[in-house]
Amino acid sequence: MAAIDTPATPLEQFIIATLYDGSTATAAIEELRQAGLGDKVDSWLGSGENQPLTADEVGKALSATVGRVAALLGTSTDDVAERVTQTLPATLEALSTHGEIPQQ
């Protein structure tokens, strides 16, 4: 399991918690896969190098969640999407065990 190099900021922690709706990361992963980002998700869950994620990809794949987070925080959807690109790959990598997210 990979370590996250820097602690998440309060904004990043909020984004992570909201993406998962207080449960597992499975819903966010499924949304990303349905948006055609399965190869990137697999790179984060596996042991290899993480493929980068763009703010545009986040905005398209997780638009409802990104919009909800932006509204709650009073910030732009672009800012939230950019923060997700910085935190989501490392977070999923840290949560995964042998390429899977443990079910809670």
N, C-alpha and C. Protein backbone atom coordinates (compact mmCIF):
# COMPACT_ATOMS: atom_id res chain seq x y z
N MET A 1 0.85 -1.16 0.00
CA MET A 1 0.00 0.00 0.00
C MET A 1 0.89 1.23 0.00
N ALA A 2 0.54 2.22 -0.79
CA ALA A 2 1.34 3.43 -0.91
C ALA A 2 1.00 4.41 0.20
N ALA A 3 1.95 5.20 0.54
CA ALA A 3 1.73 6.25 1.52
C ALA A 3 1.41 7.55 0.80
N ILE A 4 0.63 8.38 1.42
CA ILE A 4 0.35 9.70 0.88
C ILE A 4 1.44 10.61 1.41
N ASP A 5 2.15 11.29 0.51
CA ASP A 5 3.32 12.07 0.88
C ASP A 5 3.02 13.26 1.78
N THR A 6 1.93 13.95 1.50
CA THR A 6 1.61 15.12 2.30
C THR A 6 0.21 14.98 2.89
N PRO A 7 0.00 15.54 4.06
CA PRO A 7 -1.34 15.46 4.65
C PRO A 7 -2.33 16.22 3.78
N ALA A 8 -3.53 15.73 3.73
CA ALA A 8 -4.56 16.40 2.96
C ALA A 8 -4.98 17.68 3.68
N THR A 9 -5.24 18.71 2.91
CA THR A 9 -5.76 19.96 3.47
C THR A 9 -7.21 19.73 3.88
N PRO A 10 -7.77 20.62 4.68
CA PRO A 10 -9.20 20.48 5.03
C PRO A 10 -10.10 20.40 3.80
N LEU A 11 -9.78 21.18 2.77
CA LEU A 11 -10.58 21.12 1.55
C LEU A 11 -10.47 19.74 0.90
N GLU A 12 -9.25 19.23 0.82
CA GLU A 12 -9.06 17.91 0.21
C GLU A 12 -9.74 16.82 1.03
N GLN A 13 -9.67 16.91 2.35
CA GLN A 13 -10.35 15.93 3.20
C GLN A 13 -11.85 15.98 2.97
N PHE A 14 -12.40 17.19 2.83
CA PHE A 14 -13.83 17.34 2.58
C PHE A 14 -14.21 16.74 1.23
N ILE A 15 -13.40 17.01 0.22
CA ILE A 15 -13.66 16.46 -1.12
C ILE A 15 -13.65 14.94 -1.07
N ILE A 16 -12.65 14.37 -0.42
CA ILE A 16 -12.56 12.91 -0.34
C ILE A 16 -13.79 12.34 0.37
N ALA A 17 -14.15 12.92 1.50
CA ALA A 17 -15.32 12.43 2.25
C ALA A 17 -16.60 12.56 1.43
N THR A 18 -16.75 13.66 0.71
CA THR A 18 -17.96 13.86 -0.09
C THR A 18 -18.01 12.92 -1.28
N LEU A 19 -16.87 12.67 -1.92
CA LEU A 19 -16.85 11.74 -3.05
C LEU A 19 -17.36 10.38 -2.64
N TYR A 20 -17.03 9.99 -1.44
CA TYR A 20 -17.39 8.65 -0.97
C TYR A 20 -18.69 8.64 -0.21
N ASP A 21 -19.32 9.80 -0.02
CA ASP A 21 -20.59 9.89 0.70
C ASP A 21 -20.55 9.14 2.02
N GLY A 22 -19.41 9.16 2.69
CA GLY A 22 -19.29 8.52 3.99
C GLY A 22 -19.20 7.01 3.92
N SER A 23 -19.12 6.44 2.74
CA SER A 23 -19.05 4.98 2.63
C SER A 23 -17.72 4.60 1.99
N THR A 24 -17.75 3.70 1.07
CA THR A 24 -16.51 3.29 0.40
C THR A 24 -16.31 4.09 -0.88
N ALA A 25 -15.18 3.91 -1.48
CA ALA A 25 -14.85 4.62 -2.71
C ALA A 25 -15.47 3.96 -3.93
N THR A 26 -16.19 2.89 -3.74
CA THR A 26 -16.73 2.11 -4.85
C THR A 26 -17.58 2.94 -5.81
N ALA A 27 -18.42 3.82 -5.28
CA ALA A 27 -19.30 4.61 -6.15
C ALA A 27 -18.49 5.54 -7.04
N ALA A 28 -17.48 6.21 -6.48
CA ALA A 28 -16.65 7.11 -7.29
C ALA A 28 -15.88 6.32 -8.34
N ILE A 29 -15.38 5.17 -7.96
CA ILE A 29 -14.64 4.33 -8.91
C ILE A 29 -15.55 3.91 -10.05
N GLU A 30 -16.77 3.52 -9.74
CA GLU A 30 -17.71 3.10 -10.78
C GLU A 30 -18.04 4.25 -11.73
N GLU A 31 -18.23 5.45 -11.18
CA GLU A 31 -18.50 6.62 -12.03
C GLU A 31 -17.32 6.89 -12.96
N LEU A 32 -16.12 6.78 -12.44
CA LEU A 32 -14.93 7.00 -13.27
C LEU A 32 -14.81 5.94 -14.35
N ARG A 33 -15.09 4.70 -14.01
CA ARG A 33 -15.04 3.62 -15.01
C ARG A 33 -16.09 3.84 -16.11
N GLN A 34 -17.29 4.23 -15.72
CA GLN A 34 -18.36 4.47 -16.69
C GLN A 34 -18.03 5.63 -17.62
N ALA A 35 -17.19 6.54 -17.14
CA ALA A 35 -16.78 7.68 -17.96
C ALA A 35 -15.58 7.35 -18.85
N GLY A 36 -15.18 6.07 -18.88
CA GLY A 36 -14.09 5.65 -19.74
C GLY A 36 -12.70 5.81 -19.13
N LEU A 37 -12.64 5.95 -17.82
CA LEU A 37 -11.36 6.17 -17.15
C LEU A 37 -10.88 4.93 -16.39
N GLY A 38 -11.34 3.76 -16.81
CA GLY A 38 -10.99 2.51 -16.14
C GLY A 38 -9.50 2.24 -16.11
N ASP A 39 -8.79 2.55 -17.20
CA ASP A 39 -7.34 2.33 -17.23
C ASP A 39 -6.62 3.17 -16.17
N LYS A 40 -7.08 4.40 -16.01
CA LYS A 40 -6.47 5.27 -15.00
C LYS A 40 -6.79 4.76 -13.60
N VAL A 41 -8.03 4.39 -13.36
CA VAL A 41 -8.42 3.84 -12.05
C VAL A 41 -7.58 2.62 -11.73
N ASP A 42 -7.44 1.73 -12.71
CA ASP A 42 -6.64 0.51 -12.49
C ASP A 42 -5.20 0.84 -12.14
N SER A 43 -4.66 1.92 -12.72
CA SER A 43 -3.27 2.29 -12.40
C SER A 43 -3.16 2.77 -10.96
N TRP A 44 -4.20 3.40 -10.44
CA TRP A 44 -4.16 3.88 -9.05
C TRP A 44 -4.32 2.74 -8.07
N LEU A 45 -5.12 1.75 -8.45
CA LEU A 45 -5.37 0.63 -7.56
C LEU A 45 -4.25 -0.40 -7.60
N GLY A 46 -3.51 -0.43 -8.69
CA GLY A 46 -2.43 -1.39 -8.85
C GLY A 46 -1.13 -0.89 -8.23
N SER A 47 -0.09 -1.65 -8.49
CA SER A 47 1.20 -1.32 -7.88
C SER A 47 2.11 -0.50 -8.80
N GLY A 48 1.67 -0.24 -10.00
CA GLY A 48 2.49 0.52 -10.94
C GLY A 48 2.36 2.02 -10.75
N GLU A 49 2.89 2.74 -11.72
CA GLU A 49 2.83 4.20 -11.69
C GLU A 49 1.41 4.68 -11.93
N ASN A 50 0.99 5.71 -11.18
CA ASN A 50 -0.35 6.27 -11.33
C ASN A 50 -0.44 7.12 -12.60
N GLN A 51 -1.46 6.85 -13.42
CA GLN A 51 -1.71 7.69 -14.58
C GLN A 51 -2.37 8.98 -14.09
N PRO A 52 -2.02 10.11 -14.69
CA PRO A 52 -2.60 11.38 -14.24
C PRO A 52 -4.07 11.51 -14.63
N LEU A 53 -4.76 12.34 -13.87
CA LEU A 53 -6.16 12.64 -14.08
C LEU A 53 -6.26 14.14 -14.35
N THR A 54 -7.10 14.54 -15.30
CA THR A 54 -7.24 15.97 -15.58
C THR A 54 -8.52 16.51 -14.95
N ALA A 55 -8.53 17.81 -14.74
CA ALA A 55 -9.71 18.45 -14.17
C ALA A 55 -10.92 18.28 -15.10
N ASP A 56 -10.68 18.30 -16.39
CA ASP A 56 -11.77 18.11 -17.36
C ASP A 56 -12.39 16.72 -17.20
N GLU A 57 -11.52 15.70 -17.03
CA GLU A 57 -12.03 14.33 -16.83
C GLU A 57 -12.85 14.23 -15.55
N VAL A 58 -12.36 14.86 -14.50
CA VAL A 58 -13.10 14.85 -13.22
C VAL A 58 -14.44 15.54 -13.39
N GLY A 59 -14.42 16.70 -14.02
CA GLY A 59 -15.66 17.45 -14.22
C GLY A 59 -16.72 16.67 -14.97
N LYS A 60 -16.29 15.90 -15.96
CA LYS A 60 -17.23 15.09 -16.74
C LYS A 60 -17.68 13.84 -15.98
N ALA A 61 -16.75 13.16 -15.35
CA ALA A 61 -17.06 11.89 -14.70
C ALA A 61 -17.80 12.05 -13.38
N LEU A 62 -17.47 13.09 -12.63
CA LEU A 62 -18.04 13.27 -11.30
C LEU A 62 -18.75 14.61 -11.18
N SER A 63 -19.42 15.01 -12.24
CA SER A 63 -19.98 16.36 -12.31
C SER A 63 -20.95 16.68 -11.18
N ALA A 64 -21.85 15.77 -10.85
CA ALA A 64 -22.83 16.04 -9.79
C ALA A 64 -22.13 16.24 -8.45
N THR A 65 -21.18 15.38 -8.14
CA THR A 65 -20.47 15.48 -6.87
C THR A 65 -19.60 16.74 -6.83
N VAL A 66 -18.91 17.01 -7.91
CA VAL A 66 -18.07 18.21 -7.97
C VAL A 66 -18.93 19.46 -7.78
N GLY A 67 -20.07 19.49 -8.42
CA GLY A 67 -20.98 20.62 -8.28
C GLY A 67 -21.49 20.78 -6.86
N ARG A 68 -21.82 19.66 -6.23
CA ARG A 68 -22.30 19.68 -4.84
C ARG A 68 -21.22 20.19 -3.90
N VAL A 69 -19.99 19.71 -4.06
CA VAL A 69 -18.89 20.15 -3.21
C VAL A 69 -18.62 21.64 -3.43
N ALA A 70 -18.60 22.08 -4.67
CA ALA A 70 -18.36 23.49 -4.97
C ALA A 70 -19.43 24.38 -4.32
N ALA A 71 -20.68 23.96 -4.41
CA ALA A 71 -21.76 24.75 -3.82
C ALA A 71 -21.64 24.80 -2.29
N LEU A 72 -21.31 23.68 -1.69
CA LEU A 72 -21.16 23.64 -0.23
C LEU A 72 -19.99 24.50 0.25
N LEU A 73 -18.93 24.54 -0.54
CA LEU A 73 -17.74 25.29 -0.15
C LEU A 73 -17.74 26.73 -0.65
N GLY A 74 -18.66 27.06 -1.55
CA GLY A 74 -18.69 28.40 -2.10
C GLY A 74 -17.49 28.68 -3.00
N THR A 75 -17.06 27.66 -3.72
CA THR A 75 -15.93 27.81 -4.63
C THR A 75 -16.35 27.33 -6.01
N SER A 76 -15.46 27.43 -6.96
CA SER A 76 -15.81 27.04 -8.33
C SER A 76 -15.69 25.53 -8.53
N THR A 77 -16.42 25.03 -9.49
CA THR A 77 -16.30 23.61 -9.84
C THR A 77 -14.91 23.33 -10.40
N ASP A 78 -14.32 24.31 -11.07
CA ASP A 78 -12.96 24.13 -11.60
C ASP A 78 -11.96 23.91 -10.47
N ASP A 79 -12.10 24.68 -9.38
CA ASP A 79 -11.19 24.53 -8.24
C ASP A 79 -11.35 23.15 -7.61
N VAL A 80 -12.58 22.72 -7.42
CA VAL A 80 -12.82 21.41 -6.83
C VAL A 80 -12.27 20.32 -7.75
N ALA A 81 -12.54 20.40 -9.04
CA ALA A 81 -12.04 19.39 -9.97
C ALA A 81 -10.53 19.32 -9.95
N GLU A 82 -9.86 20.47 -9.90
CA GLU A 82 -8.40 20.48 -9.85
C GLU A 82 -7.90 19.82 -8.57
N ARG A 83 -8.54 20.08 -7.45
CA ARG A 83 -8.13 19.46 -6.18
C ARG A 83 -8.33 17.95 -6.22
N VAL A 84 -9.40 17.51 -6.86
CA VAL A 84 -9.64 16.07 -7.00
C VAL A 84 -8.52 15.42 -7.78
N THR A 85 -8.04 16.08 -8.84
CA THR A 85 -6.95 15.50 -9.64
C THR A 85 -5.69 15.32 -8.79
N GLN A 86 -5.52 16.16 -7.80
CA GLN A 86 -4.33 16.11 -6.95
C GLN A 86 -4.46 15.08 -5.83
N THR A 87 -5.68 14.75 -5.43
CA THR A 87 -5.85 13.88 -4.26
C THR A 87 -6.39 12.50 -4.58
N LEU A 88 -7.25 12.38 -5.56
CA LEU A 88 -7.94 11.10 -5.78
C LEU A 88 -7.01 9.94 -6.14
N PRO A 89 -6.09 10.09 -7.10
CA PRO A 89 -5.24 8.94 -7.42
C PRO A 89 -4.46 8.40 -6.21
N ALA A 90 -3.82 9.29 -5.46
CA ALA A 90 -3.04 8.85 -4.30
C ALA A 90 -3.94 8.28 -3.20
N THR A 91 -5.12 8.85 -3.04
CA THR A 91 -6.05 8.36 -2.02
C THR A 91 -6.51 6.95 -2.35
N LEU A 92 -6.91 6.72 -3.60
CA LEU A 92 -7.36 5.38 -3.99
C LEU A 92 -6.21 4.38 -3.91
N GLU A 93 -5.01 4.82 -4.27
CA GLU A 93 -3.86 3.93 -4.17
C GLU A 93 -3.62 3.54 -2.71
N ALA A 94 -3.74 4.51 -1.82
CA ALA A 94 -3.52 4.24 -0.39
C ALA A 94 -4.60 3.34 0.19
N LEU A 95 -5.83 3.45 -0.32
CA LEU A 95 -6.94 2.64 0.19
C LEU A 95 -6.96 1.23 -0.36
N SER A 96 -6.30 1.01 -1.49
CA SER A 96 -6.43 -0.29 -2.17
C SER A 96 -5.50 -1.34 -1.60
N THR A 97 -5.98 -2.55 -1.69
CA THR A 97 -5.21 -3.73 -1.30
C THR A 97 -5.28 -4.70 -2.46
N HIS A 98 -4.15 -5.00 -3.07
CA HIS A 98 -4.09 -5.94 -4.20
C HIS A 98 -5.06 -5.55 -5.32
N GLY A 99 -5.14 -4.24 -5.59
CA GLY A 99 -5.96 -3.76 -6.71
C GLY A 99 -7.43 -3.59 -6.41
N GLU A 100 -7.83 -3.76 -5.18
CA GLU A 100 -9.25 -3.63 -4.82
C GLU A 100 -9.40 -2.73 -3.61
N ILE A 101 -10.53 -2.05 -3.53
CA ILE A 101 -10.86 -1.26 -2.36
C ILE A 101 -11.65 -2.18 -1.42
N PRO A 102 -11.17 -2.34 -0.18
CA PRO A 102 -11.90 -3.21 0.76
C PRO A 102 -13.31 -2.69 1.00
N GLN A 103 -14.26 -3.59 1.02
CA GLN A 103 -15.65 -3.22 1.28
C GLN A 103 -15.86 -3.05 2.77
N GLN A 104 -16.63 -2.04 3.15
CA GLN A 104 -16.90 -1.81 4.57
C GLN A 104 -18.29 -2.22 4.92
